[in-house]
Amino acid sequence: MELQEDAHREGTLHISRHDTNRIVISGTEFTQPFLLSSSRTAEWIPFDWSLVLQWQPELVLLGCHDVDDATLAPLFDANISVERMSTASACRTFNALAHEGRDVVAAFAMDVSE
C-alpha cells in the first residue's frame, strides 16, 4: 500500500510504502524484522527488547496483535508505553507521530500482510 506523501520533518525517516513482504523507508526496502525510530533503523530479533531499552523511546508501536503482556514486561518495567496494532496501522501511526517530533519506535516482525 502506497502511503500519502506528506511533508515530513527534515532528516526524519518516513515509511513510504508497505505491502505483503516489505516496508519501504526513505527509499530502502526492508523484508526482515526491524526496528525503526525517526532517525535510525536496526535489525531486530522479535521480542528481544535490549536495543529498544537502549533507545528509551516514550512509545513503541508493535506491528502485531498476538503478543502477551509477559513478553512486553521489560518495556512496561522501563515505563515505555506500547501500542499493539496491525502493521498497516503501525506504519501510518509512526509517520504521524514522527512528523510531530514524538520519540517513537516501531517494531516490525514483518507480518506485513495485515
PDB file of N, CA and C in Angstrom:
ATOM      1  N   MET A   1       0.845  -1.171   0.000  1.00  0.00           N
ATOM      2  CA  MET A   1       0.000   0.000   0.000  1.00  0.00           C
ATOM      3  C   MET A   1       0.889   1.231   0.000  1.00  0.00           C
ATOM      4  N   GLU A   2       0.639   2.124  -0.936  1.00  0.00           N
ATOM      5  CA  GLU A   2       1.348   3.401  -1.009  1.00  0.00           C
ATOM      6  C   GLU A   2       0.758   4.322   0.045  1.00  0.00           C
ATOM      7  N   LEU A   3       1.601   4.958   0.827  1.00  0.00           N
ATOM      8  CA  LEU A   3       1.122   5.893   1.838  1.00  0.00           C
ATOM      9  C   LEU A   3       1.167   7.306   1.280  1.00  0.00           C
ATOM     10  N   GLN A   4       0.225   8.110   1.717  1.00  0.00           N
ATOM     11  CA  GLN A   4       0.164   9.511   1.293  1.00  0.00           C
ATOM     12  C   GLN A   4       1.487  10.185   1.606  1.00  0.00           C
ATOM     13  N   GLU A   5       2.050  10.849   0.627  1.00  0.00           N
ATOM     14  CA  GLU A   5       3.328  11.531   0.832  1.00  0.00           C
ATOM     15  C   GLU A   5       3.078  12.918   1.393  1.00  0.00           C
ATOM     16  N   ASP A   6       3.110  13.029   2.698  1.00  0.00           N
ATOM     17  CA  ASP A   6       3.011  14.319   3.366  1.00  0.00           C
ATOM     18  C   ASP A   6       4.413  14.889   3.511  1.00  0.00           C
ATOM     19  N   ALA A   7       4.474  16.162   3.698  1.00  0.00           N
ATOM     20  CA  ALA A   7       5.761  16.744   4.050  1.00  0.00           C
ATOM     21  C   ALA A   7       6.160  16.158   5.395  1.00  0.00           C
ATOM     22  N   HIS A   8       7.387  15.694   5.520  1.00  0.00           N
ATOM     23  CA  HIS A   8       7.833  15.170   6.806  1.00  0.00           C
ATOM     24  C   HIS A   8       9.042  15.964   7.272  1.00  0.00           C
ATOM     25  N   ARG A   9       9.294  15.852   8.552  1.00  0.00           N
ATOM     26  CA  ARG A   9      10.385  16.618   9.162  1.00  0.00           C
ATOM     27  C   ARG A   9      11.705  16.321   8.460  1.00  0.00           C
ATOM     28  N   GLU A  10      12.475  17.348   8.245  1.00  0.00           N
ATOM     29  CA  GLU A  10      13.799  17.212   7.648  1.00  0.00           C
ATOM     30  C   GLU A  10      14.631  16.219   8.460  1.00  0.00           C
ATOM     31  N   GLY A  11      15.223  15.245   7.783  1.00  0.00           N
ATOM     32  CA  GLY A  11      16.076  14.271   8.444  1.00  0.00           C
ATOM     33  C   GLY A  11      15.344  13.156   9.163  1.00  0.00           C
ATOM     34  N   THR A  12      14.014  13.134   9.095  1.00  0.00           N
ATOM     35  CA  THR A  12      13.223  12.100   9.762  1.00  0.00           C
ATOM     36  C   THR A  12      12.930  10.972   8.794  1.00  0.00           C
ATOM     37  N   LEU A  13      13.169   9.744   9.236  1.00  0.00           N
ATOM     38  CA  LEU A  13      12.826   8.596   8.400  1.00  0.00           C
ATOM     39  C   LEU A  13      11.312   8.527   8.235  1.00  0.00           C
ATOM     40  N   HIS A  14      10.877   8.074   7.064  1.00  0.00           N
ATOM     41  CA  HIS A  14       9.468   8.108   6.698  1.00  0.00           C
ATOM     42  C   HIS A  14       9.108   6.819   5.960  1.00  0.00           C
ATOM     43  N   ILE A  15       8.037   6.154   6.373  1.00  0.00           N
ATOM     44  CA  ILE A  15       7.568   4.958   5.681  1.00  0.00           C
ATOM     45  C   ILE A  15       6.773   5.416   4.467  1.00  0.00           C
ATOM     46  N   SER A  16       7.237   5.023   3.285  1.00  0.00           N
ATOM     47  CA  SER A  16       6.554   5.446   2.065  1.00  0.00           C
ATOM     48  C   SER A  16       5.663   4.367   1.472  1.00  0.00           C
ATOM     49  N   ARG A  17       5.921   3.106   1.819  1.00  0.00           N
ATOM     50  CA  ARG A  17       5.141   2.020   1.219  1.00  0.00           C
ATOM     51  C   ARG A  17       5.263   0.766   2.071  1.00  0.00           C
ATOM     52  N   HIS A  18       4.182  -0.014   2.083  1.00  0.00           N
ATOM     53  CA  HIS A  18       4.246  -1.351   2.665  1.00  0.00           C
ATOM     54  C   HIS A  18       3.328  -2.246   1.851  1.00  0.00           C
ATOM     55  N   ASP A  19       3.712  -3.509   1.748  1.00  0.00           N
ATOM     56  CA  ASP A  19       2.859  -4.487   1.082  1.00  0.00           C
ATOM     57  C   ASP A  19       3.114  -5.847   1.694  1.00  0.00           C
ATOM     58  N   THR A  20       2.791  -6.898   0.988  1.00  0.00           N
ATOM     59  CA  THR A  20       2.802  -8.240   1.559  1.00  0.00           C
ATOM     60  C   THR A  20       4.135  -8.651   2.173  1.00  0.00           C
ATOM     61  N   ASN A  21       5.243  -8.291   1.547  1.00  0.00           N
ATOM     62  CA  ASN A  21       6.539  -8.800   2.000  1.00  0.00           C
ATOM     63  C   ASN A  21       7.575  -7.737   2.314  1.00  0.00           C
ATOM     64  N   ARG A  22       7.192  -6.465   2.327  1.00  0.00           N
ATOM     65  CA  ARG A  22       8.219  -5.442   2.516  1.00  0.00           C
ATOM     66  C   ARG A  22       7.629  -4.139   3.043  1.00  0.00           C
ATOM     67  N   ILE A  23       8.526  -3.360   3.625  1.00  0.00           N
ATOM     68  CA  ILE A  23       8.220  -1.988   4.029  1.00  0.00           C
ATOM     69  C   ILE A  23       9.339  -1.132   3.451  1.00  0.00           C
ATOM     70  N   VAL A  24       8.982  -0.018   2.836  1.00  0.00           N
ATOM     71  CA  VAL A  24       9.965   0.877   2.234  1.00  0.00           C
ATOM     72  C   VAL A  24      10.047   2.144   3.078  1.00  0.00           C
ATOM     73  N   ILE A  25      11.276   2.455   3.500  1.00  0.00           N
ATOM     74  CA  ILE A  25      11.532   3.614   4.358  1.00  0.00           C
ATOM     75  C   ILE A  25      12.605   4.467   3.710  1.00  0.00           C
ATOM     76  N   SER A  26      12.239   5.680   3.380  1.00  0.00           N
ATOM     77  CA  SER A  26      13.192   6.620   2.787  1.00  0.00           C
ATOM     78  C   SER A  26      13.992   5.960   1.665  1.00  0.00           C
ATOM     79  N   GLY A  27      13.299   5.190   0.822  1.00  0.00           N
ATOM     80  CA  GLY A  27      13.915   4.554  -0.340  1.00  0.00           C
ATOM     81  C   GLY A  27      14.579   3.217  -0.091  1.00  0.00           C
ATOM     82  N   THR A  28      14.667   2.773   1.146  1.00  0.00           N
ATOM     83  CA  THR A  28      15.294   1.490   1.474  1.00  0.00           C
ATOM     84  C   THR A  28      14.226   0.459   1.782  1.00  0.00           C
ATOM     85  N   GLU A  29      14.344  -0.713   1.179  1.00  0.00           N
ATOM     86  CA  GLU A  29      13.365  -1.787   1.341  1.00  0.00           C
ATOM     87  C   GLU A  29      13.773  -2.726   2.476  1.00  0.00           C
ATOM     88  N   PHE A  30      12.826  -3.024   3.363  1.00  0.00           N
ATOM     89  CA  PHE A  30      13.050  -3.940   4.486  1.00  0.00           C
ATOM     90  C   PHE A  30      12.154  -5.153   4.323  1.00  0.00           C
ATOM     91  N   THR A  31      12.751  -6.342   4.426  1.00  0.00           N
ATOM     92  CA  THR A  31      11.996  -7.584   4.284  1.00  0.00           C
ATOM     93  C   THR A  31      12.184  -8.525   5.478  1.00  0.00           C
ATOM     94  N   GLN A  32      12.986  -8.108   6.438  1.00  0.00           N
ATOM     95  CA  GLN A  32      13.249  -8.887   7.648  1.00  0.00           C
ATOM     96  C   GLN A  32      12.817  -8.068   8.860  1.00  0.00           C
ATOM     97  N   PRO A  33      12.618  -8.708  10.018  1.00  0.00           N
ATOM     98  CA  PRO A  33      12.213  -7.946  11.210  1.00  0.00           C
ATOM     99  C   PRO A  33      13.185  -6.802  11.501  1.00  0.00           C
ATOM    100  N   PHE A  34      12.619  -5.642  11.865  1.00  0.00           N
ATOM    101  CA  PHE A  34      13.450  -4.484  12.144  1.00  0.00           C
ATOM    102  C   PHE A  34      12.749  -3.511  13.080  1.00  0.00           C
ATOM    103  N   LEU A  35      13.574  -2.635  13.656  1.00  0.00           N
ATOM    104  CA  LEU A  35      13.109  -1.534  14.498  1.00  0.00           C
ATOM    105  C   LEU A  35      13.321  -0.236  13.734  1.00  0.00           C
ATOM    106  N   LEU A  36      12.437   0.713  13.975  1.00  0.00           N
ATOM    107  CA  LEU A  36      12.504   1.997  13.294  1.00  0.00           C
ATOM    108  C   LEU A  36      12.247   3.122  14.286  1.00  0.00           C
ATOM    109  N   SER A  37      13.151   4.086  14.325  1.00  0.00           N
ATOM    110  CA  SER A  37      12.897   5.332  15.048  1.00  0.00           C
ATOM    111  C   SER A  37      12.908   6.441  13.999  1.00  0.00           C
ATOM    112  N   SER A  38      12.702   7.656  14.409  1.00  0.00           N
ATOM    113  CA  SER A  38      12.684   8.746  13.435  1.00  0.00           C
ATOM    114  C   SER A  38      14.056   8.998  12.825  1.00  0.00           C
ATOM    115  N   SER A  39      15.111   8.475  13.446  1.00  0.00           N
ATOM    116  CA  SER A  39      16.465   8.748  12.953  1.00  0.00           C
ATOM    117  C   SER A  39      17.287   7.512  12.589  1.00  0.00           C
ATOM    118  N   ARG A  40      16.758   6.300  12.857  1.00  0.00           N
ATOM    119  CA  ARG A  40      17.573   5.113  12.579  1.00  0.00           C
ATOM    120  C   ARG A  40      16.713   3.868  12.449  1.00  0.00           C
ATOM    121  N   THR A  41      17.325   2.851  11.835  1.00  0.00           N
ATOM    122  CA  THR A  41      16.727   1.526  11.754  1.00  0.00           C
ATOM    123  C   THR A  41      17.751   0.526  12.282  1.00  0.00           C
ATOM    124  N   ALA A  42      17.266  -0.638  12.674  1.00  0.00           N
ATOM    125  CA  ALA A  42      18.156  -1.706  13.131  1.00  0.00           C
ATOM    126  C   ALA A  42      17.480  -3.053  12.906  1.00  0.00           C
ATOM    127  N   GLU A  43      18.278  -4.051  12.574  1.00  0.00           N
ATOM    128  CA  GLU A  43      17.743  -5.410  12.528  1.00  0.00           C
ATOM    129  C   GLU A  43      17.216  -5.745  13.909  1.00  0.00           C
ATOM    130  N   TRP A  44      16.214  -6.627  13.944  1.00  0.00           N
ATOM    131  CA  TRP A  44      15.571  -6.948  15.211  1.00  0.00           C
ATOM    132  C   TRP A  44      15.285  -8.438  15.293  1.00  0.00           C
ATOM    133  N   ILE A  45      15.652  -9.025  16.410  1.00  0.00           N
ATOM    134  CA  ILE A  45      15.192 -10.371  16.742  1.00  0.00           C
ATOM    135  C   ILE A  45      13.892 -10.152  17.498  1.00  0.00           C
ATOM    136  N   PRO A  46      12.746 -10.544  16.900  1.00  0.00           N
ATOM    137  CA  PRO A  46      11.457 -10.224  17.529  1.00  0.00           C
ATOM    138  C   PRO A  46      11.407 -10.561  19.014  1.00  0.00           C
ATOM    139  N   PHE A  47      10.992  -9.561  19.746  1.00  0.00           N
ATOM    140  CA  PHE A  47      10.737  -9.597  21.181  1.00  0.00           C
ATOM    141  C   PHE A  47      11.996  -9.620  22.034  1.00  0.00           C
ATOM    142  N   ASP A  48      13.149  -9.352  21.416  1.00  0.00           N
ATOM    143  CA  ASP A  48      14.368  -9.039  22.164  1.00  0.00           C
ATOM    144  C   ASP A  48      14.370  -7.514  22.279  1.00  0.00           C
ATOM    145  N   TRP A  49      14.100  -7.011  23.462  1.00  0.00           N
ATOM    146  CA  TRP A  49      13.890  -5.579  23.666  1.00  0.00           C
ATOM    147  C   TRP A  49      15.148  -4.816  24.046  1.00  0.00           C
ATOM    148  N   SER A  50      16.315  -5.458  24.031  1.00  0.00           N
ATOM    149  CA  SER A  50      17.530  -4.804  24.523  1.00  0.00           C
ATOM    150  C   SER A  50      17.846  -3.506  23.775  1.00  0.00           C
ATOM    151  N   LEU A  51      17.717  -3.493  22.469  1.00  0.00           N
ATOM    152  CA  LEU A  51      18.006  -2.284  21.712  1.00  0.00           C
ATOM    153  C   LEU A  51      16.967  -1.197  21.979  1.00  0.00           C
ATOM    154  N   VAL A  52      15.705  -1.585  22.089  1.00  0.00           N
ATOM    155  CA  VAL A  52      14.646  -0.614  22.399  1.00  0.00           C
ATOM    156  C   VAL A  52      14.921   0.015  23.773  1.00  0.00           C
ATOM    157  N   LEU A  53      15.336  -0.798  24.724  1.00  0.00           N
ATOM    158  CA  LEU A  53      15.636  -0.271  26.058  1.00  0.00           C
ATOM    159  C   LEU A  53      16.814   0.704  26.017  1.00  0.00           C
ATOM    160  N   GLN A  54      17.784   0.474  25.128  1.00  0.00           N
ATOM    161  CA  GLN A  54      18.891   1.421  24.964  1.00  0.00           C
ATOM    162  C   GLN A  54      18.408   2.730  24.358  1.00  0.00           C
ATOM    163  N   TRP A  55      17.489   2.652  23.398  1.00  0.00           N
ATOM    164  CA  TRP A  55      16.984   3.850  22.715  1.00  0.00           C
ATOM    165  C   TRP A  55      16.053   4.667  23.610  1.00  0.00           C
ATOM    166  N   GLN A  56      15.382   4.039  24.573  1.00  0.00           N
ATOM    167  CA  GLN A  56      14.499   4.706  25.536  1.00  0.00           C
ATOM    168  C   GLN A  56      13.422   5.602  24.905  1.00  0.00           C
ATOM    169  N   PRO A  57      12.609   5.066  23.982  1.00  0.00           N
ATOM    170  CA  PRO A  57      11.531   5.887  23.427  1.00  0.00           C
ATOM    171  C   PRO A  57      10.412   6.061  24.445  1.00  0.00           C
ATOM    172  N   GLU A  58       9.527   7.000  24.192  1.00  0.00           N
ATOM    173  CA  GLU A  58       8.350   7.147  25.052  1.00  0.00           C
ATOM    174  C   GLU A  58       7.274   6.134  24.665  1.00  0.00           C
ATOM    175  N   LEU A  59       7.306   5.667  23.405  1.00  0.00           N
ATOM    176  CA  LEU A  59       6.257   4.786  22.890  1.00  0.00           C
ATOM    177  C   LEU A  59       6.832   3.806  21.889  1.00  0.00           C
ATOM    178  N   VAL A  60       6.375   2.548  21.968  1.00  0.00           N
ATOM    179  CA  VAL A  60       6.683   1.534  20.966  1.00  0.00           C
ATOM    180  C   VAL A  60       5.383   1.153  20.267  1.00  0.00           C
ATOM    181  N   LEU A  61       5.402   1.229  18.939  1.00  0.00           N
ATOM    182  CA  LEU A  61       4.292   0.752  18.114  1.00  0.00           C
ATOM    183  C   LEU A  61       4.657  -0.649  17.670  1.00  0.00           C
ATOM    184  N   LEU A  62       3.898  -1.621  18.087  1.00  0.00           N
ATOM    185  CA  LEU A  62       4.186  -3.015  17.790  1.00  0.00           C
ATOM    186  C   LEU A  62       3.254  -3.473  16.678  1.00  0.00           C
ATOM    187  N   GLY A  63       3.828  -3.755  15.522  1.00  0.00           N
ATOM    188  CA  GLY A  63       3.039  -4.113  14.351  1.00  0.00           C
ATOM    189  C   GLY A  63       2.546  -5.540  14.356  1.00  0.00           C
ATOM    190  N   CYS A  64       1.981  -5.976  15.451  1.00  0.00           N
ATOM    191  CA  CYS A  64       1.301  -7.276  15.543  1.00  0.00           C
ATOM    192  C   CYS A  64       0.475  -7.292  16.824  1.00  0.00           C
ATOM    193  N   HIS A  65      -0.605  -8.051  16.806  1.00  0.00           N
ATOM    194  CA  HIS A  65      -1.536  -8.071  17.943  1.00  0.00           C
ATOM    195  C   HIS A  65      -1.249  -9.174  18.954  1.00  0.00           C
ATOM    196  N   ASP A  66      -0.728 -10.301  18.493  1.00  0.00           N
ATOM    197  CA  ASP A  66      -0.668 -11.508  19.313  1.00  0.00           C
ATOM    198  C   ASP A  66       0.572 -11.569  20.192  1.00  0.00           C
ATOM    199  N   VAL A  67       0.704 -10.589  21.062  1.00  0.00           N
ATOM    200  CA  VAL A  67       1.833 -10.551  21.984  1.00  0.00           C
ATOM    201  C   VAL A  67       1.271 -10.357  23.384  1.00  0.00           C
ATOM    202  N   ASP A  68       1.640 -11.264  24.277  1.00  0.00           N
ATOM    203  CA  ASP A  68       1.091 -11.161  25.630  1.00  0.00           C
ATOM    204  C   ASP A  68       1.881 -10.161  26.478  1.00  0.00           C
ATOM    205  N   ASP A  69       1.276  -9.750  27.560  1.00  0.00           N
ATOM    206  CA  ASP A  69       1.889  -8.753  28.435  1.00  0.00           C
ATOM    207  C   ASP A  69       3.220  -9.221  29.024  1.00  0.00           C
ATOM    208  N   ALA A  70       3.352 -10.508  29.275  1.00  0.00           N
ATOM    209  CA  ALA A  70       4.610 -11.013  29.838  1.00  0.00           C
ATOM    210  C   ALA A  70       5.775 -10.764  28.876  1.00  0.00           C
ATOM    211  N   THR A  71       5.536 -10.890  27.590  1.00  0.00           N
ATOM    212  CA  THR A  71       6.567 -10.637  26.580  1.00  0.00           C
ATOM    213  C   THR A  71       6.965  -9.168  26.570  1.00  0.00           C
ATOM    214  N   LEU A  72       6.027  -8.295  26.892  1.00  0.00           N
ATOM    215  CA  LEU A  72       6.261  -6.851  26.867  1.00  0.00           C
ATOM    216  C   LEU A  72       6.734  -6.300  28.209  1.00  0.00           C
ATOM    217  N   ALA A  73       6.824  -7.152  29.233  1.00  0.00           N
ATOM    218  CA  ALA A  73       7.159  -6.710  30.589  1.00  0.00           C
ATOM    219  C   ALA A  73       8.424  -5.852  30.671  1.00  0.00           C
ATOM    220  N   PRO A  74       9.508  -6.174  29.946  1.00  0.00           N
ATOM    221  CA  PRO A  74      10.692  -5.314  30.049  1.00  0.00           C
ATOM    222  C   PRO A  74      10.415  -3.864  29.629  1.00  0.00           C
ATOM    223  N   LEU A  75       9.529  -3.676  28.663  1.00  0.00           N
ATOM    224  CA  LEU A  75       9.169  -2.326  28.235  1.00  0.00           C
ATOM    225  C   LEU A  75       8.333  -1.629  29.296  1.00  0.00           C
ATOM    226  N   PHE A  76       7.337  -2.360  29.826  1.00  0.00           N
ATOM    227  CA  PHE A  76       6.491  -1.789  30.874  1.00  0.00           C
ATOM    228  C   PHE A  76       7.326  -1.428  32.100  1.00  0.00           C
ATOM    229  N   ASP A  77       8.277  -2.295  32.459  1.00  0.00           N
ATOM    230  CA  ASP A  77       9.138  -2.049  33.621  1.00  0.00           C
ATOM    231  C   ASP A  77       9.992  -0.792  33.435  1.00  0.00           C
ATOM    232  N   ALA A  78      10.294  -0.454  32.172  1.00  0.00           N
ATOM    233  CA  ALA A  78      11.094   0.730  31.872  1.00  0.00           C
ATOM    234  C   ALA A  78      10.210   1.954  31.604  1.00  0.00           C
ATOM    235  N   ASN A  79       8.912   1.835  31.906  1.00  0.00           N
ATOM    236  CA  ASN A  79       7.947   2.929  31.694  1.00  0.00           C
ATOM    237  C   ASN A  79       7.849   3.368  30.241  1.00  0.00           C
ATOM    238  N   ILE A  80       7.972   2.397  29.325  1.00  0.00           N
ATOM    239  CA  ILE A  80       7.789   2.649  27.901  1.00  0.00           C
ATOM    240  C   ILE A  80       6.392   2.163  27.522  1.00  0.00           C
ATOM    241  N   SER A  81       5.598   3.043  26.969  1.00  0.00           N
ATOM    242  CA  SER A  81       4.252   2.666  26.540  1.00  0.00           C
ATOM    243  C   SER A  81       4.318   1.821  25.279  1.00  0.00           C
ATOM    244  N   VAL A  82       3.351   0.917  25.124  1.00  0.00           N
ATOM    245  CA  VAL A  82       3.289   0.026  23.963  1.00  0.00           C
ATOM    246  C   VAL A  82       1.879   0.058  23.397  1.00  0.00           C
ATOM    247  N   GLU A  83       1.799   0.193  22.085  1.00  0.00           N
ATOM    248  CA  GLU A  83       0.522   0.090  21.375  1.00  0.00           C
ATOM    249  C   GLU A  83       0.634  -1.049  20.384  1.00  0.00           C
ATOM    250  N   ARG A  84      -0.241  -2.046  20.515  1.00  0.00           N
ATOM    251  CA  ARG A  84      -0.289  -3.172  19.582  1.00  0.00           C
ATOM    252  C   ARG A  84      -1.305  -2.852  18.496  1.00  0.00           C
ATOM    253  N   MET A  85      -0.908  -3.056  17.239  1.00  0.00           N
ATOM    254  CA  MET A  85      -1.797  -2.740  16.120  1.00  0.00           C
ATOM    255  C   MET A  85      -1.337  -3.497  14.888  1.00  0.00           C
ATOM    256  N   SER A  86      -2.129  -3.437  13.847  1.00  0.00           N
ATOM    257  CA  SER A  86      -1.728  -4.077  12.591  1.00  0.00           C
ATOM    258  C   SER A  86      -0.494  -3.362  12.035  1.00  0.00           C
ATOM    259  N   THR A  87       0.201  -4.029  11.152  1.00  0.00           N
ATOM    260  CA  THR A  87       1.367  -3.421  10.527  1.00  0.00           C
ATOM    261  C   THR A  87       0.976  -2.167   9.763  1.00  0.00           C
ATOM    262  N   ALA A  88      -0.124  -2.223   9.027  1.00  0.00           N
ATOM    263  CA  ALA A  88      -0.575  -1.045   8.271  1.00  0.00           C
ATOM    264  C   ALA A  88      -0.834   0.133   9.211  1.00  0.00           C
ATOM    265  N   SER A  89      -1.499  -0.120  10.318  1.00  0.00           N
ATOM    266  CA  SER A  89      -1.760   0.947  11.292  1.00  0.00           C
ATOM    267  C   SER A  89      -0.472   1.458  11.912  1.00  0.00           C
ATOM    268  N   ALA A  90       0.467   0.565  12.202  1.00  0.00           N
ATOM    269  CA  ALA A  90       1.752   0.978  12.775  1.00  0.00           C
ATOM    270  C   ALA A  90       2.520   1.876  11.805  1.00  0.00           C
ATOM    271  N   CYS A  91       2.452   1.570  10.511  1.00  0.00           N
ATOM    272  CA  CYS A  91       3.116   2.411   9.509  1.00  0.00           C
ATOM    273  C   CYS A  91       2.522   3.815   9.501  1.00  0.00           C
ATOM    274  N   ARG A  92       1.203   3.900   9.437  1.00  0.00           N
ATOM    275  CA  ARG A  92       0.545   5.213   9.408  1.00  0.00           C
ATOM    276  C   ARG A  92       0.791   5.991  10.706  1.00  0.00           C
ATOM    277  N   THR A  93       0.676   5.299  11.831  1.00  0.00           N
ATOM    278  CA  THR A  93       0.834   5.958  13.125  1.00  0.00           C
ATOM    279  C   THR A  93       2.275   6.426  13.319  1.00  0.00           C
ATOM    280  N   PHE A  94       3.231   5.596  12.922  1.00  0.00           N
ATOM    281  CA  PHE A  94       4.632   6.007  13.030  1.00  0.00           C
ATOM    282  C   PHE A  94       4.865   7.302  12.259  1.00  0.00           C
ATOM    283  N   ASN A  95       4.411   7.354  11.005  1.00  0.00           N
ATOM    284  CA  ASN A  95       4.629   8.553  10.194  1.00  0.00           C
ATOM    285  C   ASN A  95       4.037   9.788  10.861  1.00  0.00           C
ATOM    286  N   ALA A  96       2.834   9.659  11.377  1.00  0.00           N
ATOM    287  CA  ALA A  96       2.165  10.801  12.011  1.00  0.00           C
ATOM    288  C   ALA A  96       2.929  11.262  13.256  1.00  0.00           C
ATOM    289  N   LEU A  97       3.302  10.318  14.119  1.00  0.00           N
ATOM    290  CA  LEU A  97       3.981  10.686  15.364  1.00  0.00           C
ATOM    291  C   LEU A  97       5.400  11.198  15.114  1.00  0.00           C
ATOM    292  N   ALA A  98       6.115  10.575  14.188  1.00  0.00           N
ATOM    293  CA  ALA A  98       7.467  11.050  13.866  1.00  0.00           C
ATOM    294  C   ALA A  98       7.401  12.458  13.274  1.00  0.00           C
ATOM    295  N   HIS A  99       6.390  12.715  12.466  1.00  0.00           N
ATOM    296  CA  HIS A  99       6.204  14.051  11.886  1.00  0.00           C
ATOM    297  C   HIS A  99       5.989  15.096  12.981  1.00  0.00           C
ATOM    298  N   GLU A 100       5.321  14.699  14.052  1.00  0.00           N
ATOM    299  CA  GLU A 100       5.088  15.608  15.192  1.00  0.00           C
ATOM    300  C   GLU A 100       6.324  15.763  16.079  1.00  0.00           C
ATOM    301  N   GLY A 101       7.363  14.969  15.811  1.00  0.00           N
ATOM    302  CA  GLY A 101       8.567  15.055  16.628  1.00  0.00           C
ATOM    303  C   GLY A 101       8.544  14.180  17.867  1.00  0.00           C
ATOM    304  N   ARG A 102       7.591  13.254  17.939  1.00  0.00           N
ATOM    305  CA  ARG A 102       7.491  12.367  19.104  1.00  0.00           C
ATOM    306  C   ARG A 102       8.623  11.343  19.095  1.00  0.00           C
ATOM    307  N   ASP A 103       9.011  10.898  20.273  1.00  0.00           N
ATOM    308  CA  ASP A 103      10.056   9.898  20.445  1.00  0.00           C
ATOM    309  C   ASP A 103       9.407   8.519  20.397  1.00  0.00           C
ATOM    310  N   VAL A 104       9.299   7.982  19.194  1.00  0.00           N
ATOM    311  CA  VAL A 104       8.566   6.739  18.962  1.00  0.00           C
ATOM    312  C   VAL A 104       9.450   5.740  18.232  1.00  0.00           C
ATOM    313  N   VAL A 105       9.249   4.457  18.547  1.00  0.00           N
ATOM    314  CA  VAL A 105       9.907   3.359  17.846  1.00  0.00           C
ATOM    315  C   VAL A 105       8.815   2.425  17.338  1.00  0.00           C
ATOM    316  N   ALA A 106       8.950   2.006  16.088  1.00  0.00           N
ATOM    317  CA  ALA A 106       8.052   0.983  15.536  1.00  0.00           C
ATOM    318  C   ALA A 106       8.833  -0.316  15.457  1.00  0.00           C
ATOM    319  N   ALA A 107       8.208  -1.407  15.856  1.00  0.00           N
ATOM    320  CA  ALA A 107       8.815  -2.732  15.818  1.00  0.00           C
ATOM    321  C   ALA A 107       8.012  -3.579  14.839  1.00  0.00           C
ATOM    322  N   PHE A 108       8.678  -4.025  13.772  1.00  0.00           N
ATOM    323  CA  PHE A 108       8.005  -4.803  12.731  1.00  0.00           C
ATOM    324  C   PHE A 108       8.584  -6.203  12.668  1.00  0.00           C
ATOM    325  N   ALA A 109       7.738  -7.185  12.945  1.00  0.00           N
ATOM    326  CA  ALA A 109       8.146  -8.589  12.862  1.00  0.00           C
ATOM    327  C   ALA A 109       7.983  -9.121  11.444  1.00  0.00           C
ATOM    328  N   MET A 110       7.567  -8.251  10.542  1.00  0.00           N
ATOM    329  CA  MET A 110       7.398  -8.496   9.105  1.00  0.00           C
ATOM    330  C   MET A 110       6.244  -9.403   8.758  1.00  0.00           C
ATOM    331  N   ASP A 111       5.164  -9.311   9.502  1.00  0.00           N
ATOM    332  CA  ASP A 111       3.912  -9.905   9.094  1.00  0.00           C
ATOM    333  C   ASP A 111       3.111  -8.766   8.456  1.00  0.00           C
ATOM    334  N   VAL A 112       3.595  -8.319   7.279  1.00  0.00           N
ATOM    335  CA  VAL A 112       3.046  -7.116   6.663  1.00  0.00           C
ATOM    336  C   VAL A 112       1.780  -7.371   5.865  1.00  0.00           C
ATOM    337  N   SER A 113       1.225  -8.571   5.941  1.00  0.00           N
ATOM    338  CA  SER A 113       0.004  -8.871   5.206  1.00  0.00           C
ATOM    339  C   SER A 113      -1.242  -8.355   5.915  1.00  0.00           C
ATOM    340  N   GLU A 114      -1.113  -7.869   7.133  1.00  0.00           N
ATOM    341  CA  GLU A 114      -2.270  -7.418   7.919  1.00  0.00           C
ATOM    342  C   GLU A 114      -2.916  -6.201   7.307  1.00  0.00           C
TER     343      GLU A 114
END
